[in-house]
Each structure stands twice: as structure tokens, then as C-alpha cells.
Amino acid sequence: MQQSAAATSKRLAREYELVYILTPNVDPDDADKVATRIQEVVARLGGKITKVDSWGRRRLAYPIKKSSRGVFVYVRYIGFNDLVAELERNLRNADAVIRFQTVRREGVFDLAEVTVDPEEAKFSRIEAAPLEEEPEPSFEERLGLTQKPREREEEDFLDMGDEDDVVPGAEKPEDETTEK
């Protein structure tokens, strides 16, 4: 009877996925501060980070704080619900973070039995924003009322067709240099 009571008193952890979005022009040092803070909170509350993946700069579905791009970071960790609340509180207070979302995954785990690959749980440094970034579209362009003038690319010039390409039923243009 004592074994079943000990087994029920044992806390089982859950696995969570966290995606947070940093401002598009985030300073690499500020991004490192956010990553360090996440690691400290997870370690302090007895959780384990199992996977970290930096997705880089991506276009947002809609503008957030007048930005149409953001730096996405994915973190998978195992912990208890108090860890989730503390992580979200810290992300809410971080100036560099514009959005975050935590999702609970299926299954429960015993934290003592979970092994983590240190390479998969390592935060990578975010590079500084490129100097020449695509300009933000105007209000009219976002609504589709006007279009930006399209720059011609090299591919446009390469795919103009050859002289050997013959369209059925079309007459071949005559050379202007030949005399009739």
C-alpha cells in the first residue's frame, strides 16, 4: 500500500513547446539576454530544455507594433505548470519580445529519466539585422489598392525566348536590314 501512495505523490512533468518572436531589428545582445533568462528560469524551477531552434527572420501574418517581420525562436522543454507561468511572465516583461505562445504536448514524463542532447538544447546567437531591409509596404499596398513597381530580375531577361521558338500560326518577322 505504501508503494502506491509513493507513486501517486511523485510529480510527473509535461512537455511544452514555446515559440517567441523578437523585434526584427533586435540587438544580438538583447536576444542573448532573453535566451539566458529562459535558461535560468527553466533551471531554477527544475525543468529541462530538450530542443532549441532559431527559425530566423520571417514575415508576420499581420503587422505587430508596426513591424511586418520578426525573429522566430522555437523552444521545447519539460517542466511543471508553474514553470510555464514564470516563463510567460518573463517573456511578457522582455522589451525585445513582441509575441509568444506556449502549447502543451501530449504525454507525461519523469524528469529524472529524461536525457537531453546538449547540442539540441543550445541557443544559437541571432545575427544583427541587415542594413538594407525591404521597406515596409504602405497602407494602400497592404490593402492591394496599388502595387510597388516591380524590379526586373535577371531571370526575366533570360527567359525571353529564342529565335528558334516558333509559335504555330504566327508569321516570322522580317529582318529590317534585308532589301526587298
Protein backbone atom coordinates (compact mmCIF):
# COMPACT_ATOMS: atom_id res chain seq x y z
CA MET A 1 0.00 0.00 0.00
CA GLN A 2 2.90 2.36 0.68
CA GLN A 3 4.28 1.87 -2.83
CA SER A 4 1.10 3.11 -4.49
CA ALA A 5 0.98 6.15 -2.19
CA ALA A 6 4.61 6.98 -3.07
CA ALA A 7 3.91 6.57 -6.76
CA THR A 8 0.91 8.89 -6.65
CA SER A 9 2.86 11.56 -4.73
CA LYS A 10 5.54 11.61 -7.43
CA ARG A 11 5.10 14.64 -9.71
CA LEU A 12 5.11 13.94 -13.40
CA ALA A 13 6.17 16.71 -15.76
CA ARG A 14 4.64 17.65 -19.08
CA GLU A 15 6.29 18.64 -22.34
CA TYR A 16 5.70 22.13 -23.73
CA GLU A 17 6.55 23.99 -26.93
CA LEU A 18 7.25 27.71 -26.83
CA VAL A 19 7.59 29.99 -29.83
CA TYR A 20 8.57 33.57 -29.20
CA ILE A 21 9.03 36.40 -31.70
CA LEU A 22 11.65 39.08 -31.27
CA THR A 23 11.58 42.51 -32.89
CA PRO A 24 13.07 42.41 -36.41
CA ASN A 25 15.91 44.80 -35.56
CA VAL A 26 16.76 43.12 -32.25
CA ASP A 27 20.28 43.63 -30.95
CA PRO A 28 22.10 40.26 -30.69
CA ASP A 29 22.95 41.06 -27.06
CA ASP A 30 19.26 41.61 -26.23
CA ALA A 31 18.38 38.30 -27.90
CA ASP A 32 21.07 36.59 -25.81
CA LYS A 33 19.60 38.14 -22.64
CA VAL A 34 16.18 36.66 -23.45
CA ALA A 35 17.73 33.23 -24.15
CA THR A 36 19.77 33.36 -20.93
CA ARG A 37 16.70 34.35 -18.93
CA ILE A 38 14.75 31.39 -20.35
CA GLN A 39 17.57 29.01 -19.43
CA GLU A 40 17.79 30.44 -15.89
CA VAL A 41 14.05 30.15 -15.27
CA VAL A 42 13.88 26.58 -16.57
CA ALA A 43 16.89 25.53 -14.46
CA ARG A 44 15.63 27.30 -11.33
CA LEU A 45 12.19 25.67 -11.47
CA GLY A 46 13.53 22.19 -12.17
CA GLY A 47 12.68 21.84 -15.86
CA LYS A 48 14.78 20.72 -18.80
CA ILE A 49 15.13 22.30 -22.24
CA THR A 50 15.12 19.50 -24.83
CA LYS A 51 15.29 21.39 -28.13
CA VAL A 52 16.02 24.93 -29.34
CA ASP A 53 15.69 26.05 -32.94
CA SER A 54 16.14 29.55 -34.32
CA TRP A 55 13.87 29.99 -37.32
CA GLY A 56 15.38 33.37 -38.25
CA ARG A 57 13.69 36.45 -39.67
CA ARG A 58 10.30 35.75 -41.18
CA ARG A 59 7.35 37.69 -42.44
CA LEU A 60 4.49 38.06 -39.97
CA ALA A 61 0.90 37.30 -40.95
CA TYR A 62 -0.09 40.79 -39.84
CA PRO A 63 1.86 43.81 -38.56
CA ILE A 64 2.75 43.78 -34.87
CA LYS A 65 3.95 47.06 -33.36
CA LYS A 66 4.31 48.47 -36.91
CA SER A 67 6.64 45.63 -37.98
CA SER A 68 5.86 43.11 -40.70
CA ARG A 69 8.81 40.86 -39.84
CA GLY A 70 10.14 39.20 -36.70
CA VAL A 71 12.85 36.82 -35.46
CA PHE A 72 11.26 33.49 -34.50
CA VAL A 73 12.73 31.14 -31.87
CA TYR A 74 11.31 27.68 -31.01
CA VAL A 75 11.95 26.07 -27.59
CA ARG A 76 10.74 22.65 -26.42
CA TYR A 77 11.02 21.94 -22.69
CA ILE A 78 9.77 19.61 -19.97
CA GLY A 79 8.51 21.02 -16.69
CA PHE A 80 5.55 21.77 -14.48
CA ASN A 81 2.78 24.33 -14.90
CA ASP A 82 4.49 26.79 -12.52
CA LEU A 83 7.41 26.85 -14.97
CA VAL A 84 5.09 27.82 -17.82
CA ALA A 85 3.60 30.70 -15.83
CA GLU A 86 7.03 32.03 -14.82
CA LEU A 87 8.42 31.79 -18.37
CA GLU A 88 5.44 33.64 -19.80
CA ARG A 89 5.75 36.34 -17.11
CA ASN A 90 9.42 36.86 -18.03
CA LEU A 91 8.67 36.97 -21.77
CA ARG A 92 5.85 39.46 -21.19
CA ASN A 93 8.32 41.78 -19.42
CA ALA A 94 11.08 41.48 -22.05
CA ASP A 95 11.16 44.51 -24.37
CA ALA A 96 12.66 42.57 -27.29
CA VAL A 97 9.80 40.02 -27.35
CA ILE A 98 6.72 41.09 -29.32
CA ARG A 99 4.73 37.81 -29.17
CA PHE A 100 4.97 34.35 -27.62
CA GLN A 101 2.86 31.23 -27.40
CA THR A 102 3.15 28.10 -25.30
CA VAL A 103 1.49 24.81 -26.26
CA ARG A 104 1.30 21.70 -24.08
CA ARG A 105 2.21 18.47 -25.86
CA GLU A 106 0.85 15.01 -25.16
CA GLY A 107 2.30 12.72 -22.52
CA VAL A 108 3.83 12.95 -19.06
CA PHE A 109 7.47 12.42 -18.09
CA ASP A 110 9.58 11.67 -15.07
CA LEU A 111 12.20 14.45 -15.12
CA ALA A 112 14.85 12.20 -13.56
CA GLU A 113 14.65 9.80 -16.51
CA VAL A 114 14.75 12.41 -19.30
CA THR A 115 18.07 12.69 -21.13
CA VAL A 116 18.90 15.79 -23.15
CA ASP A 117 21.34 16.20 -26.04
CA PRO A 118 23.33 19.36 -25.15
CA GLU A 119 23.73 20.31 -28.83
CA GLU A 120 19.95 20.31 -29.41
CA ALA A 121 19.29 22.40 -26.29
CA LYS A 122 21.82 25.09 -27.16
CA PHE A 123 20.66 28.60 -28.08
CA SER A 124 22.37 29.98 -31.18
CA ARG A 125 23.32 33.64 -31.45
CA ILE A 126 20.98 35.82 -33.50
CA GLU A 127 22.75 37.86 -36.19
CA ALA A 128 22.31 41.61 -36.42
CA ALA A 129 19.61 42.84 -38.80
CA PRO A 130 20.81 43.50 -42.36
CA LEU A 131 21.25 47.18 -43.19
CA GLU A 132 19.23 47.03 -46.40
CA GLU A 133 15.93 45.60 -45.37
CA GLU A 134 12.86 45.50 -47.55
CA PRO A 135 10.87 48.70 -46.94
CA GLU A 136 7.55 48.38 -45.18
CA PRO A 137 4.62 48.43 -47.62
CA SER A 138 2.35 51.46 -47.49
CA PHE A 139 -1.22 51.22 -46.26
CA GLU A 140 -2.54 51.22 -49.84
CA GLU A 141 -0.10 48.47 -50.87
CA ARG A 142 -1.13 46.30 -47.92
CA LEU A 143 -4.78 46.66 -48.95
CA GLY A 144 -3.90 45.80 -52.54
CA LEU A 145 -5.04 49.16 -53.93
CA THR A 146 -1.66 49.93 -55.51
CA GLN A 147 1.36 47.89 -56.39
CA LYS A 148 5.01 48.67 -56.00
CA PRO A 149 6.91 48.97 -59.27
CA ARG A 150 8.45 45.60 -59.87
CA GLU A 151 12.17 45.42 -60.38
CA ARG A 152 13.21 43.31 -63.32
CA GLU A 153 15.33 40.41 -62.34
CA GLU A 154 17.95 38.54 -64.28
CA GLU A 155 15.56 35.64 -64.76
CA ASP A 156 13.16 37.93 -66.66
CA PHE A 157 15.85 38.62 -69.23
CA LEU A 158 17.00 35.02 -69.52
CA ASP A 159 13.55 33.65 -70.30
CA MET A 160 12.67 35.89 -73.24
CA GLY A 161 12.70 33.02 -75.72
CA ASP A 162 14.96 32.06 -78.59
CA GLU A 163 14.63 32.72 -82.29
CA ASP A 164 14.08 29.00 -82.77
CA ASP A 165 10.90 29.17 -80.71
CA VAL A 166 8.08 29.22 -83.23
CA VAL A 167 4.51 29.92 -82.31
CA PRO A 168 2.10 27.97 -84.53
CA GLY A 169 0.14 30.26 -86.86
CA ALA A 170 2.37 33.27 -86.26
CA GLU A 171 4.37 34.88 -89.04
CA LYS A 172 8.07 35.23 -88.64
CA PRO A 173 9.06 38.92 -88.60
CA GLU A 174 11.27 40.02 -91.47
CA ASP A 175 14.71 41.49 -90.94
CA GLU A 176 14.81 45.24 -91.45
CA THR A 177 18.30 45.02 -92.99
CA THR A 178 17.30 42.89 -95.96
CA GLU A 179 16.20 44.63 -99.12
CA LYS A 180 13.08 43.62 -100.97
